[in-house]
PDB file of N, CA and C in Angstrom:
ATOM      1  N   MET A   1     130.601 212.551 104.684  1.00  0.00           N
ATOM      2  CA  MET A   1     130.109 211.415 105.243  1.00  0.00           C
ATOM      3  C   MET A   1     128.785 211.112 104.408  1.00  0.00           C
ATOM      4  N   LYS A   2     128.450 209.775 104.161  1.00  0.00           N
ATOM      5  CA  LYS A   2     127.240 209.289 103.524  1.00  0.00           C
ATOM      6  C   LYS A   2     126.026 209.470 104.213  1.00  0.00           C
ATOM      7  N   ASP A   3     125.026 209.894 103.470  1.00  0.00           N
ATOM      8  CA  ASP A   3     123.567 209.908 104.080  1.00  0.00           C
ATOM      9  C   ASP A   3     123.312 208.588 104.806  1.00  0.00           C
ATOM     10  N   GLY A   4     122.602 208.928 105.878  1.00  0.00           N
ATOM     11  CA  GLY A   4     122.381 207.820 106.711  1.00  0.00           C
ATOM     12  C   GLY A   4     123.436 207.118 107.746  1.00  0.00           C
ATOM     13  N   TRP A   5     124.689 207.583 107.617  1.00  0.00           N
ATOM     14  CA  TRP A   5     125.596 207.247 108.555  1.00  0.00           C
ATOM     15  C   TRP A   5     125.577 207.953 109.766  1.00  0.00           C
ATOM     16  N   GLN A   6     125.966 207.189 110.775  1.00  0.00           N
ATOM     17  CA  GLN A   6     125.743 207.619 112.126  1.00  0.00           C
ATOM     18  C   GLN A   6     127.178 208.073 112.636  1.00  0.00           C
ATOM     19  N   THR A   7     127.298 209.217 113.517  1.00  0.00           N
ATOM     20  CA  THR A   7     128.398 209.665 114.040  1.00  0.00           C
ATOM     21  C   THR A   7     128.516 208.817 115.501  1.00  0.00           C
ATOM     22  N   LYS A   8     129.667 208.185 115.927  1.00  0.00           N
ATOM     23  CA  LYS A   8     129.848 207.432 117.036  1.00  0.00           C
ATOM     24  C   LYS A   8     131.233 207.805 117.732  1.00  0.00           C
ATOM     25  N   THR A   9     131.414 207.653 118.850  1.00  0.00           N
ATOM     26  CA  THR A   9     132.552 207.774 119.509  1.00  0.00           C
ATOM     27  C   THR A   9     133.268 206.412 119.526  1.00  0.00           C
ATOM     28  N   LEU A  10     134.559 206.397 119.741  1.00  0.00           N
ATOM     29  CA  LEU A  10     135.194 205.240 119.967  1.00  0.00           C
ATOM     30  C   LEU A  10     134.753 204.107 121.035  1.00  0.00           C
ATOM     31  N   GLY A  11     134.415 204.830 122.076  1.00  0.00           N
ATOM     32  CA  GLY A  11     133.827 204.189 123.286  1.00  0.00           C
ATOM     33  C   GLY A  11     132.593 203.512 122.930  1.00  0.00           C
ATOM     34  N   ASP A  12     131.741 204.180 121.875  1.00  0.00           N
ATOM     35  CA  ASP A  12     130.347 203.424 121.390  1.00  0.00           C
ATOM     36  C   ASP A  12     130.717 202.310 120.437  1.00  0.00           C
ATOM     37  N   VAL A  13     131.826 202.112 119.760  1.00  0.00           N
ATOM     38  CA  VAL A  13     132.055 200.942 118.925  1.00  0.00           C
ATOM     39  C   VAL A  13     133.278 200.172 119.304  1.00  0.00           C
ATOM     40  N   LEU A  14     133.704 200.295 120.369  1.00  0.00           N
ATOM     41  CA  LEU A  14     134.778 199.339 121.015  1.00  0.00           C
ATOM     42  C   LEU A  14     134.427 198.638 122.125  1.00  0.00           C
ATOM     43  N   GLN A  15     135.001 197.312 122.065  1.00  0.00           N
ATOM     44  CA  GLN A  15     134.704 196.502 123.361  1.00  0.00           C
ATOM     45  C   GLN A  15     135.986 196.343 124.096  1.00  0.00           C
ATOM     46  N   LYS A  16     135.846 195.786 125.524  1.00  0.00           N
ATOM     47  CA  LYS A  16     137.039 195.686 126.253  1.00  0.00           C
ATOM     48  C   LYS A  16     137.854 194.563 125.745  1.00  0.00           C
ATOM     49  N   THR A  17     139.259 194.735 126.192  1.00  0.00           N
ATOM     50  CA  THR A  17     140.237 193.694 125.652  1.00  0.00           C
ATOM     51  C   THR A  17     140.504 192.816 126.943  1.00  0.00           C
ATOM     52  N   ASP A  18     141.465 191.947 126.629  1.00  0.00           N
ATOM     53  CA  ASP A  18     141.828 191.074 127.521  1.00  0.00           C
ATOM     54  C   ASP A  18     143.226 191.075 128.010  1.00  0.00           C
ATOM     55  N   THR A  19     143.480 190.735 129.227  1.00  0.00           N
ATOM     56  CA  THR A  19     144.892 190.500 129.754  1.00  0.00           C
ATOM     57  C   THR A  19     145.107 188.968 130.094  1.00  0.00           C
ATOM     58  N   ILE A  20     146.469 188.590 130.198  1.00  0.00           N
ATOM     59  CA  ILE A  20     146.497 187.203 130.747  1.00  0.00           C
ATOM     60  C   ILE A  20     147.453 187.224 131.822  1.00  0.00           C
ATOM     61  N   ASN A  21     147.512 186.194 132.754  1.00  0.00           N
ATOM     62  CA  ASN A  21     148.336 186.051 133.867  1.00  0.00           C
ATOM     63  C   ASN A  21     149.095 184.963 133.524  1.00  0.00           C
ATOM     64  N   PRO A  22     150.527 185.242 133.320  1.00  0.00           N
ATOM     65  CA  PRO A  22     151.387 184.344 133.060  1.00  0.00           C
ATOM     66  C   PRO A  22     151.615 183.117 134.097  1.00  0.00           C
ATOM     67  N   SER A  23     151.247 183.243 135.117  1.00  0.00           N
ATOM     68  CA  SER A  23     151.574 182.426 136.338  1.00  0.00           C
ATOM     69  C   SER A  23     150.577 181.114 136.172  1.00  0.00           C
ATOM     70  N   HIS A  24     149.726 181.225 135.376  1.00  0.00           N
ATOM     71  CA  HIS A  24     148.574 180.179 135.004  1.00  0.00           C
ATOM     72  C   HIS A  24     149.194 179.202 134.100  1.00  0.00           C
ATOM     73  N   SER A  25     150.084 179.597 133.277  1.00  0.00           N
ATOM     74  CA  SER A  25     150.736 178.723 132.353  1.00  0.00           C
ATOM     75  C   SER A  25     152.256 179.088 131.881  1.00  0.00           C
ATOM     76  N   PRO A  26     153.047 178.983 132.815  1.00  0.00           N
ATOM     77  CA  PRO A  26     154.478 179.597 132.663  1.00  0.00           C
ATOM     78  C   PRO A  26     155.222 179.022 131.510  1.00  0.00           C
ATOM     79  N   ASP A  27     154.881 177.699 131.110  1.00  0.00           N
ATOM     80  CA  ASP A  27     155.548 177.171 129.949  1.00  0.00           C
ATOM     81  C   ASP A  27     154.827 177.311 128.926  1.00  0.00           C
ATOM     82  N   ALA A  28     153.735 178.050 128.681  1.00  0.00           N
ATOM     83  CA  ALA A  28     153.242 178.266 127.316  1.00  0.00           C
ATOM     84  C   ALA A  28     154.012 179.308 126.563  1.00  0.00           C
ATOM     85  N   GLU A  29     154.017 179.017 125.293  1.00  0.00           N
ATOM     86  CA  GLU A  29     154.794 179.800 124.288  1.00  0.00           C
ATOM     87  C   GLU A  29     153.819 180.803 123.533  1.00  0.00           C
ATOM     88  N   PHE A  30     154.137 181.749 123.007  1.00  0.00           N
ATOM     89  CA  PHE A  30     153.462 182.754 122.291  1.00  0.00           C
ATOM     90  C   PHE A  30     154.312 183.506 121.523  1.00  0.00           C
ATOM     91  N   ASP A  31     153.626 184.379 120.564  1.00  0.00           N
ATOM     92  CA  ASP A  31     154.209 185.238 119.616  1.00  0.00           C
ATOM     93  C   ASP A  31     153.982 186.704 120.282  1.00  0.00           C
ATOM     94  N   TYR A  32     154.998 187.484 120.482  1.00  0.00           N
ATOM     95  CA  TYR A  32     155.109 188.479 121.113  1.00  0.00           C
ATOM     96  C   TYR A  32     155.313 189.868 120.385  1.00  0.00           C
ATOM     97  N   ILE A  33     154.193 190.518 120.177  1.00  0.00           N
ATOM     98  CA  ILE A  33     154.236 191.784 119.140  1.00  0.00           C
ATOM     99  C   ILE A  33     154.882 193.098 120.105  1.00  0.00           C
ATOM    100  N   ASP A  34     156.058 193.497 119.731  1.00  0.00           N
ATOM    101  CA  ASP A  34     156.528 194.541 120.577  1.00  0.00           C
ATOM    102  C   ASP A  34     156.349 195.861 119.691  1.00  0.00           C
ATOM    103  N   VAL A  35     156.479 197.037 120.210  1.00  0.00           N
ATOM    104  CA  VAL A  35     156.177 198.233 119.308  1.00  0.00           C
ATOM    105  C   VAL A  35     157.122 198.319 118.116  1.00  0.00           C
ATOM    106  N   SER A  36     158.327 197.656 118.056  1.00  0.00           N
ATOM    107  CA  SER A  36     158.939 197.820 116.665  1.00  0.00           C
ATOM    108  C   SER A  36     158.592 196.696 115.699  1.00  0.00           C
ATOM    109  N   SER A  37     157.542 195.851 116.099  1.00  0.00           N
ATOM    110  CA  SER A  37     157.102 194.833 115.272  1.00  0.00           C
ATOM    111  C   SER A  37     156.213 195.398 114.189  1.00  0.00           C
ATOM    112  N   VAL A  38     155.759 196.591 114.354  1.00  0.00           N
ATOM    113  CA  VAL A  38     154.876 197.239 113.323  1.00  0.00           C
ATOM    114  C   VAL A  38     155.529 198.140 112.550  1.00  0.00           C
ATOM    115  N   SER A  39     155.410 198.011 111.207  1.00  0.00           N
ATOM    116  CA  SER A  39     155.983 198.928 110.184  1.00  0.00           C
ATOM    117  C   SER A  39     155.086 200.384 110.083  1.00  0.00           C
ATOM    118  N   ASN A  40     155.665 201.498 110.197  1.00  0.00           N
ATOM    119  CA  ASN A  40     154.836 202.519 110.099  1.00  0.00           C
ATOM    120  C   ASN A  40     154.785 202.938 108.561  1.00  0.00           C
ATOM    121  N   ALA A  41     155.447 202.123 107.742  1.00  0.00           N
ATOM    122  CA  ALA A  41     155.381 202.379 106.268  1.00  0.00           C
ATOM    123  C   ALA A  41     154.191 201.472 105.661  1.00  0.00           C
ATOM    124  N   THR A  42     154.077 200.177 106.011  1.00  0.00           N
ATOM    125  CA  THR A  42     153.227 199.410 105.427  1.00  0.00           C
ATOM    126  C   THR A  42     151.928 199.151 106.463  1.00  0.00           C
ATOM    127  N   PHE A  43     152.003 199.773 107.705  1.00  0.00           N
ATOM    128  CA  PHE A  43     150.924 199.630 108.659  1.00  0.00           C
ATOM    129  C   PHE A  43     150.532 197.973 108.818  1.00  0.00           C
ATOM    130  N   GLU A  44     151.721 197.399 108.962  1.00  0.00           N
ATOM    131  CA  GLU A  44     151.393 195.811 109.201  1.00  0.00           C
ATOM    132  C   GLU A  44     152.394 195.088 110.185  1.00  0.00           C
ATOM    133  N   ILE A  45     152.034 194.184 110.925  1.00  0.00           N
ATOM    134  CA  ILE A  45     152.963 193.328 111.758  1.00  0.00           C
ATOM    135  C   ILE A  45     154.093 192.735 110.950  1.00  0.00           C
ATOM    136  N   THR A  46     155.321 193.093 110.985  1.00  0.00           N
ATOM    137  CA  THR A  46     156.232 192.601 110.164  1.00  0.00           C
ATOM    138  C   THR A  46     157.128 191.454 110.811  1.00  0.00           C
ATOM    139  N   ALA A  47     157.135 191.435 112.204  1.00  0.00           N
ATOM    140  CA  ALA A  47     158.047 190.437 112.821  1.00  0.00           C
ATOM    141  C   ALA A  47     157.413 190.283 114.204  1.00  0.00           C
ATOM    142  N   THR A  48     157.347 189.207 114.758  1.00  0.00           N
ATOM    143  CA  THR A  48     157.115 188.750 116.303  1.00  0.00           C
ATOM    144  C   THR A  48     158.384 188.060 116.884  1.00  0.00           C
ATOM    145  N   GLN A  49     158.323 187.939 118.139  1.00  0.00           N
ATOM    146  CA  GLN A  49     159.361 187.103 118.866  1.00  0.00           C
ATOM    147  C   GLN A  49     158.508 186.035 119.381  1.00  0.00           C
ATOM    148  N   ARG A  50     159.128 184.958 119.347  1.00  0.00           N
ATOM    149  CA  ARG A  50     158.427 183.552 120.010  1.00  0.00           C
ATOM    150  C   ARG A  50     158.971 183.441 121.605  1.00  0.00           C
ATOM    151  N   LEU A  51     158.259 183.551 122.639  1.00  0.00           N
ATOM    152  CA  LEU A  51     158.712 183.568 123.955  1.00  0.00           C
ATOM    153  C   LEU A  51     157.821 182.614 124.706  1.00  0.00           C
ATOM    154  N   LYS A  52     158.353 182.260 125.892  1.00  0.00           N
ATOM    155  CA  LYS A  52     157.501 181.660 126.951  1.00  0.00           C
ATOM    156  C   LYS A  52     157.058 182.472 127.970  1.00  0.00           C
ATOM    157  N   GLU A  53     155.854 182.212 128.627  1.00  0.00           N
ATOM    158  CA  GLU A  53     155.306 183.013 129.353  1.00  0.00           C
ATOM    159  C   GLU A  53     156.167 183.409 130.571  1.00  0.00           C
ATOM    160  N   ARG A  54     156.926 182.706 131.137  1.00  0.00           N
ATOM    161  CA  ARG A  54     157.757 182.812 132.129  1.00  0.00           C
ATOM    162  C   ARG A  54     158.914 183.713 131.925  1.00  0.00           C
ATOM    163  N   THR A  55     159.279 184.186 130.588  1.00  0.00           N
ATOM    164  CA  THR A  55     160.536 184.876 130.407  1.00  0.00           C
ATOM    165  C   THR A  55     159.873 186.208 130.136  1.00  0.00           C
ATOM    166  N   ARG A  56     158.619 186.574 130.144  1.00  0.00           N
ATOM    167  CA  ARG A  56     158.308 187.739 129.794  1.00  0.00           C
ATOM    168  C   ARG A  56     158.072 188.648 130.977  1.00  0.00           C
ATOM    169  N   GLN A  57     158.623 189.859 131.026  1.00  0.00           N
ATOM    170  CA  GLN A  57     158.453 190.826 131.966  1.00  0.00           C
ATOM    171  C   GLN A  57     157.232 191.601 131.725  1.00  0.00           C
ATOM    172  N   SER A  58     156.789 191.973 130.612  1.00  0.00           N
ATOM    173  CA  SER A  58     155.663 192.850 130.655  1.00  0.00           C
ATOM    174  C   SER A  58     154.984 192.276 129.108  1.00  0.00           C
ATOM    175  N   GLY A  59     154.006 192.815 128.860  1.00  0.00           N
ATOM    176  CA  GLY A  59     153.144 192.748 127.531  1.00  0.00           C
ATOM    177  C   GLY A  59     152.060 191.511 127.869  1.00  0.00           C
ATOM    178  N   ARG A  60     151.368 191.733 128.735  1.00  0.00           N
ATOM    179  CA  ARG A  60     150.373 190.846 129.161  1.00  0.00           C
ATOM    180  C   ARG A  60     148.949 191.244 128.497  1.00  0.00           C
ATOM    181  N   ARG A  61     148.805 191.554 127.380  1.00  0.00           N
ATOM    182  CA  ARG A  61     147.823 192.002 126.589  1.00  0.00           C
ATOM    183  C   ARG A  61     147.488 190.985 125.442  1.00  0.00           C
ATOM    184  N   LEU A  62     146.480 190.592 125.537  1.00  0.00           N
ATOM    185  CA  LEU A  62     145.923 189.275 124.422  1.00  0.00           C
ATOM    186  C   LEU A  62     145.407 190.180 123.388  1.00  0.00           C
ATOM    187  N   VAL A  63     145.690 189.561 122.120  1.00  0.00           N
ATOM    188  CA  VAL A  63     145.245 190.117 120.935  1.00  0.00           C
ATOM    189  C   VAL A  63     144.336 189.131 120.183  1.00  0.00           C
ATOM    190  N   ARG A  64     143.402 189.659 119.591  1.00  0.00           N
ATOM    191  CA  ARG A  64     142.480 188.693 118.817  1.00  0.00           C
ATOM    192  C   ARG A  64     142.541 189.329 117.291  1.00  0.00           C
ATOM    193  N   THR A  65     142.166 188.408 116.306  1.00  0.00           N
ATOM    194  CA  THR A  65     142.118 188.626 114.827  1.00  0.00           C
ATOM    195  C   THR A  65     141.291 189.923 114.794  1.00  0.00           C
ATOM    196  N   ASN A  66     141.807 190.864 113.830  1.00  0.00           N
ATOM    197  CA  ASN A  66     141.001 192.037 113.641  1.00  0.00           C
ATOM    198  C   ASN A  66     141.001 193.186 114.571  1.00  0.00           C
ATOM    199  N   ASP A  67     141.906 193.073 115.884  1.00  0.00           N
ATOM    200  CA  ASP A  67     142.024 194.075 116.468  1.00  0.00           C
ATOM    201  C   ASP A  67     143.034 195.100 115.991  1.00  0.00           C
ATOM    202  N   VAL A  68     142.706 196.466 116.385  1.00  0.00           N
ATOM    203  CA  VAL A  68     143.617 197.316 115.712  1.00  0.00           C
ATOM    204  C   VAL A  68     144.563 197.605 116.802  1.00  0.00           C
ATOM    205  N   LEU A  69     145.839 197.592 116.435  1.00  0.00           N
ATOM    206  CA  LEU A  69     146.981 198.015 117.594  1.00  0.00           C
ATOM    207  C   LEU A  69     147.373 199.335 117.149  1.00  0.00           C
ATOM    208  N   PHE A  70     147.418 200.223 118.279  1.00  0.00           N
ATOM    209  CA  PHE A  70     147.970 201.544 118.157  1.00  0.00           C
ATOM    210  C   PHE A  70     148.953 201.945 119.163  1.00  0.00           C
ATOM    211  N   ALA A  71     150.285 202.145 118.599  1.00  0.00           N
ATOM    212  CA  ALA A  71     151.215 202.473 119.579  1.00  0.00           C
ATOM    213  C   ALA A  71     151.139 203.770 120.259  1.00  0.00           C
ATOM    214  N   THR A  72     151.231 203.576 121.742  1.00  0.00           N
ATOM    215  CA  THR A  72     151.123 204.795 122.474  1.00  0.00           C
ATOM    216  C   THR A  72     152.376 205.430 122.725  1.00  0.00           C
ATOM    217  N   VAL A  73     153.447 204.685 122.559  1.00  0.00           N
ATOM    218  CA  VAL A  73     154.961 205.049 122.704  1.00  0.00           C
ATOM    219  C   VAL A  73     155.263 205.766 121.276  1.00  0.00           C
ATOM    220  N   ARG A  74     155.499 207.209 121.548  1.00  0.00           N
ATOM    221  CA  ARG A  74     155.910 207.906 120.374  1.00  0.00           C
ATOM    222  C   ARG A  74     154.797 207.751 119.271  1.00  0.00           C
ATOM    223  N   PRO A  75     153.680 208.078 119.559  1.00  0.00           N
ATOM    224  CA  PRO A  75     152.294 207.800 118.613  1.00  0.00           C
ATOM    225  C   PRO A  75     152.702 208.575 116.972  1.00  0.00           C
ATOM    226  N   THR A  76     153.480 209.639 117.256  1.00  0.00           N
ATOM    227  CA  THR A  76     153.650 210.406 115.914  1.00  0.00           C
ATOM    228  C   THR A  76     154.329 209.386 114.855  1.00  0.00           C
ATOM    229  N   LEU A  77     155.124 208.337 115.359  1.00  0.00           N
ATOM    230  CA  LEU A  77     155.491 207.424 114.215  1.00  0.00           C
ATOM    231  C   LEU A  77     154.349 206.417 113.702  1.00  0.00           C
ATOM    232  N   GLN A  78     153.163 206.623 114.191  1.00  0.00           N
ATOM    233  CA  GLN A  78     152.039 205.915 113.346  1.00  0.00           C
ATOM    234  C   GLN A  78     152.293 204.462 113.425  1.00  0.00           C
ATOM    235  N   ARG A  79     152.609 203.699 114.332  1.00  0.00           N
ATOM    236  CA  ARG A  79     152.709 202.335 114.419  1.00  0.00           C
ATOM    237  C   ARG A  79     151.348 201.831 114.772  1.00  0.00           C
ATOM    238  N   ILE A  80     150.749 201.525 113.542  1.00  0.00           N
ATOM    239  CA  ILE A  80     149.265 201.166 113.583  1.00  0.00           C
ATOM    240  C   ILE A  80     149.106 199.855 112.535  1.00  0.00           C
ATOM    241  N   ALA A  81     148.369 198.951 113.141  1.00  0.00           N
ATOM    242  CA  ALA A  81     148.279 197.594 112.481  1.00  0.00           C
ATOM    243  C   ALA A  81     147.076 196.982 112.793  1.00  0.00           C
ATOM    244  N   VAL A  82     146.495 195.865 111.905  1.00  0.00           N
ATOM    245  CA  VAL A  82     145.433 195.068 112.297  1.00  0.00           C
ATOM    246  C   VAL A  82     146.079 193.680 112.494  1.00  0.00           C
ATOM    247  N   VAL A  83     145.578 193.035 113.422  1.00  0.00           N
ATOM    248  CA  VAL A  83     146.111 191.687 114.044  1.00  0.00           C
ATOM    249  C   VAL A  83     145.465 190.795 112.864  1.00  0.00           C
ATOM    250  N   PRO A  84     146.501 190.123 112.052  1.00  0.00           N
ATOM    251  CA  PRO A  84     146.119 189.024 111.190  1.00  0.00           C
ATOM    252  C   PRO A  84     145.562 187.770 112.060  1.00  0.00           C
ATOM    253  N   GLU A  85     144.914 186.840 111.159  1.00  0.00           N
ATOM    254  CA  GLU A  85     144.515 185.550 111.785  1.00  0.00           C
ATOM    255  C   GLU A  85     145.540 184.810 112.510  1.00  0.00           C
ATOM    256  N   HIS A  86     146.708 184.704 111.845  1.00  0.00           N
ATOM    257  CA  HIS A  86     147.736 183.961 112.453  1.00  0.00           C
ATOM    258  C   HIS A  86     148.324 184.275 113.664  1.00  0.00           C
ATOM    259  N   LEU A  87     147.867 185.600 114.124  1.00  0.00           N
ATOM    260  CA  LEU A  87     148.403 185.968 115.339  1.00  0.00           C
ATOM    261  C   LEU A  87     147.206 186.203 116.485  1.00  0.00           C
ATOM    262  N   ASP A  88     146.145 185.460 116.282  1.00  0.00           N
ATOM    263  CA  ASP A  88     144.951 185.330 117.001  1.00  0.00           C
ATOM    264  C   ASP A  88     145.466 184.752 118.387  1.00  0.00           C
ATOM    265  N   ASN A  89     144.989 185.340 119.648  1.00  0.00           N
ATOM    266  CA  ASN A  89     145.357 184.893 120.892  1.00  0.00           C
ATOM    267  C   ASN A  89     146.919 184.926 121.129  1.00  0.00           C
ATOM    268  N   GLN A  90     147.566 185.887 120.616  1.00  0.00           N
ATOM    269  CA  GLN A  90     148.877 186.120 120.912  1.00  0.00           C
ATOM    270  C   GLN A  90     149.002 187.380 121.852  1.00  0.00           C
ATOM    271  N   VAL A  91     150.196 187.737 122.139  1.00  0.00           N
ATOM    272  CA  VAL A  91     150.449 188.675 123.225  1.00  0.00           C
ATOM    273  C   VAL A  91     151.065 190.144 122.394  1.00  0.00           C
ATOM    274  N   CYS A  92     150.616 191.187 122.934  1.00  0.00           N
ATOM    275  CA  CYS A  92     151.240 192.437 122.491  1.00  0.00           C
ATOM    276  C   CYS A  92     151.837 193.159 123.654  1.00  0.00           C
ATOM    277  N   SER A  93     152.883 194.119 123.400  1.00  0.00           N
ATOM    278  CA  SER A  93     153.187 195.095 124.482  1.00  0.00           C
ATOM    279  C   SER A  93     152.277 195.841 125.071  1.00  0.00           C
ATOM    280  N   THR A  94     152.508 196.270 126.231  1.00  0.00           N
ATOM    281  CA  THR A  94     151.685 197.229 127.024  1.00  0.00           C
ATOM    282  C   THR A  94     151.826 198.763 126.269  1.00  0.00           C
ATOM    283  N   GLY A  95     152.674 198.668 125.257  1.00  0.00           N
ATOM    284  CA  GLY A  95     152.934 200.071 124.728  1.00  0.00           C
ATOM    285  C   GLY A  95     151.923 200.329 123.507  1.00  0.00           C
ATOM    286  N   TYR A  96     150.953 199.342 123.342  1.00  0.00           N
ATOM    287  CA  TYR A  96     150.068 199.471 122.428  1.00  0.00           C
ATOM    288  C   TYR A  96     148.630 199.621 123.191  1.00  0.00           C
ATOM    289  N   PHE A  97     147.765 200.476 122.495  1.00  0.00           N
ATOM    290  CA  PHE A  97     146.315 200.451 122.846  1.00  0.00           C
ATOM    291  C   PHE A  97     145.667 199.616 121.790  1.00  0.00           C
ATOM    292  N   ILE A  98     144.858 198.660 122.319  1.00  0.00           N
ATOM    293  CA  ILE A  98     144.163 197.697 121.470  1.00  0.00           C
ATOM    294  C   ILE A  98     142.717 198.137 121.357  1.00  0.00           C
ATOM    295  N   LEU A  99     142.531 198.368 119.999  1.00  0.00           N
ATOM    296  CA  LEU A  99     141.119 198.880 119.735  1.00  0.00           C
ATOM    297  C   LEU A  99     140.384 197.558 119.062  1.00  0.00           C
ATOM    298  N   ARG A 100     139.295 196.945 120.083  1.00  0.00           N
ATOM    299  CA  ARG A 100     138.756 195.866 119.505  1.00  0.00           C
ATOM    300  C   ARG A 100     137.337 196.268 119.316  1.00  0.00           C
ATOM    301  N   PRO A 101     137.006 196.272 117.914  1.00  0.00           N
ATOM    302  CA  PRO A 101     135.549 196.883 117.570  1.00  0.00           C
ATOM    303  C   PRO A 101     134.630 195.748 117.940  1.00  0.00           C
ATOM    304  N   LYS A 102     133.428 196.240 118.384  1.00  0.00           N
ATOM    305  CA  LYS A 102     132.170 195.382 118.605  1.00  0.00           C
ATOM    306  C   LYS A 102     132.000 194.546 117.364  1.00  0.00           C
ATOM    307  N   THR A 103     131.045 193.463 117.392  1.00  0.00           N
ATOM    308  CA  THR A 103     130.951 192.475 116.431  1.00  0.00           C
ATOM    309  C   THR A 103     130.277 193.130 115.192  1.00  0.00           C
ATOM    310  N   GLU A 104     129.408 194.079 115.596  1.00  0.00           N
ATOM    311  CA  GLU A 104     128.668 194.882 114.343  1.00  0.00           C
ATOM    312  C   GLU A 104     129.386 195.812 113.786  1.00  0.00           C
ATOM    313  N   ILE A 105     130.640 196.193 114.093  1.00  0.00           N
ATOM    314  CA  ILE A 105     131.441 197.262 113.564  1.00  0.00           C
ATOM    315  C   ILE A 105     132.635 196.614 112.724  1.00  0.00           C
ATOM    316  N   GLU A 106     132.644 197.103 111.340  1.00  0.00           N
ATOM    317  CA  GLU A 106     133.776 196.591 110.484  1.00  0.00           C
ATOM    318  C   GLU A 106     135.187 197.058 111.174  1.00  0.00           C
ATOM    319  N   HIS A 107     136.070 196.310 111.358  1.00  0.00           N
ATOM    320  CA  HIS A 107     137.397 196.684 111.862  1.00  0.00           C
ATOM    321  C   HIS A 107     138.182 197.541 111.043  1.00  0.00           C
ATOM    322  N   ARG A 108     137.968 197.400 109.755  1.00  0.00           N
ATOM    323  CA  ARG A 108     138.784 198.407 108.771  1.00  0.00           C
ATOM    324  C   ARG A 108     138.156 199.711 109.017  1.00  0.00           C
ATOM    325  N   PHE A 109     136.913 200.166 109.397  1.00  0.00           N
ATOM    326  CA  PHE A 109     136.606 201.513 109.767  1.00  0.00           C
ATOM    327  C   PHE A 109     137.500 202.108 110.799  1.00  0.00           C
ATOM    328  N   VAL A 110     137.618 201.343 111.900  1.00  0.00           N
ATOM    329  CA  VAL A 110     138.581 201.790 113.087  1.00  0.00           C
ATOM    330  C   VAL A 110     139.788 201.958 112.420  1.00  0.00           C
ATOM    331  N   PHE A 111     140.505 201.045 111.843  1.00  0.00           N
ATOM    332  CA  PHE A 111     141.824 201.115 111.430  1.00  0.00           C
ATOM    333  C   PHE A 111     141.998 202.460 110.531  1.00  0.00           C
ATOM    334  N   TYR A 112     141.085 202.463 109.547  1.00  0.00           N
ATOM    335  CA  TYR A 112     141.102 203.922 108.628  1.00  0.00           C
ATOM    336  C   TYR A 112     141.060 205.096 109.585  1.00  0.00           C
ATOM    337  N   HIS A 113     140.270 205.033 110.513  1.00  0.00           N
ATOM    338  CA  HIS A 113     140.079 206.377 111.290  1.00  0.00           C
ATOM    339  C   HIS A 113     141.449 206.512 112.032  1.00  0.00           C
ATOM    340  N   CYS A 114     142.208 205.603 112.419  1.00  0.00           N
ATOM    341  CA  CYS A 114     143.296 205.719 113.186  1.00  0.00           C
ATOM    342  C   CYS A 114     144.696 206.030 112.312  1.00  0.00           C
ATOM    343  N   SER A 115     144.532 205.542 111.066  1.00  0.00           N
ATOM    344  CA  SER A 115     145.670 205.818 110.134  1.00  0.00           C
ATOM    345  C   SER A 115     145.362 206.647 108.856  1.00  0.00           C
ATOM    346  N   PRO A 116     145.543 207.987 109.114  1.00  0.00           N
ATOM    347  CA  PRO A 116     145.340 208.860 108.153  1.00  0.00           C
ATOM    348  C   PRO A 116     146.166 208.911 106.880  1.00  0.00           C
ATOM    349  N   ARG A 117     147.359 208.168 106.938  1.00  0.00           N
ATOM    350  CA  ARG A 117     148.174 208.100 105.632  1.00  0.00           C
ATOM    351  C   ARG A 117     147.752 206.918 104.844  1.00  0.00           C
ATOM    352  N   VAL A 118     146.896 205.959 105.181  1.00  0.00           N
ATOM    353  CA  VAL A 118     146.582 204.827 104.507  1.00  0.00           C
ATOM    354  C   VAL A 118     145.816 205.266 103.300  1.00  0.00           C
ATOM    355  N   SER A 119     146.102 204.770 102.212  1.00  0.00           N
ATOM    356  CA  SER A 119     145.256 205.188 100.987  1.00  0.00           C
ATOM    357  C   SER A 119     144.456 203.962 100.456  1.00  0.00           C
TER     358      SER A 119
END
């Protein structure tokens, strides 16, 4: 670690995330990121599904640009990705833990901390 850098826990650098209530807008459409949407080879979101709120059974987790998604379902598969700008305010599966860095924290530090195979 470089001189002058501080050691922090994830709790120190992350902020709370959002959930949405589909009954507030049942006809709204959204891009849905399920666990298989993330490539564990490229660490990117490679596909989404376009759904309506009323058809969704689960996945009420709102994502924002630069959130880091970490799959909690079979985490050894390392399905980890950063939410790109075009998926801002979309929805991901509850099979993900969303790591949303505080504004003063660079999201890539959180991503690299969670993705040891990224070079």
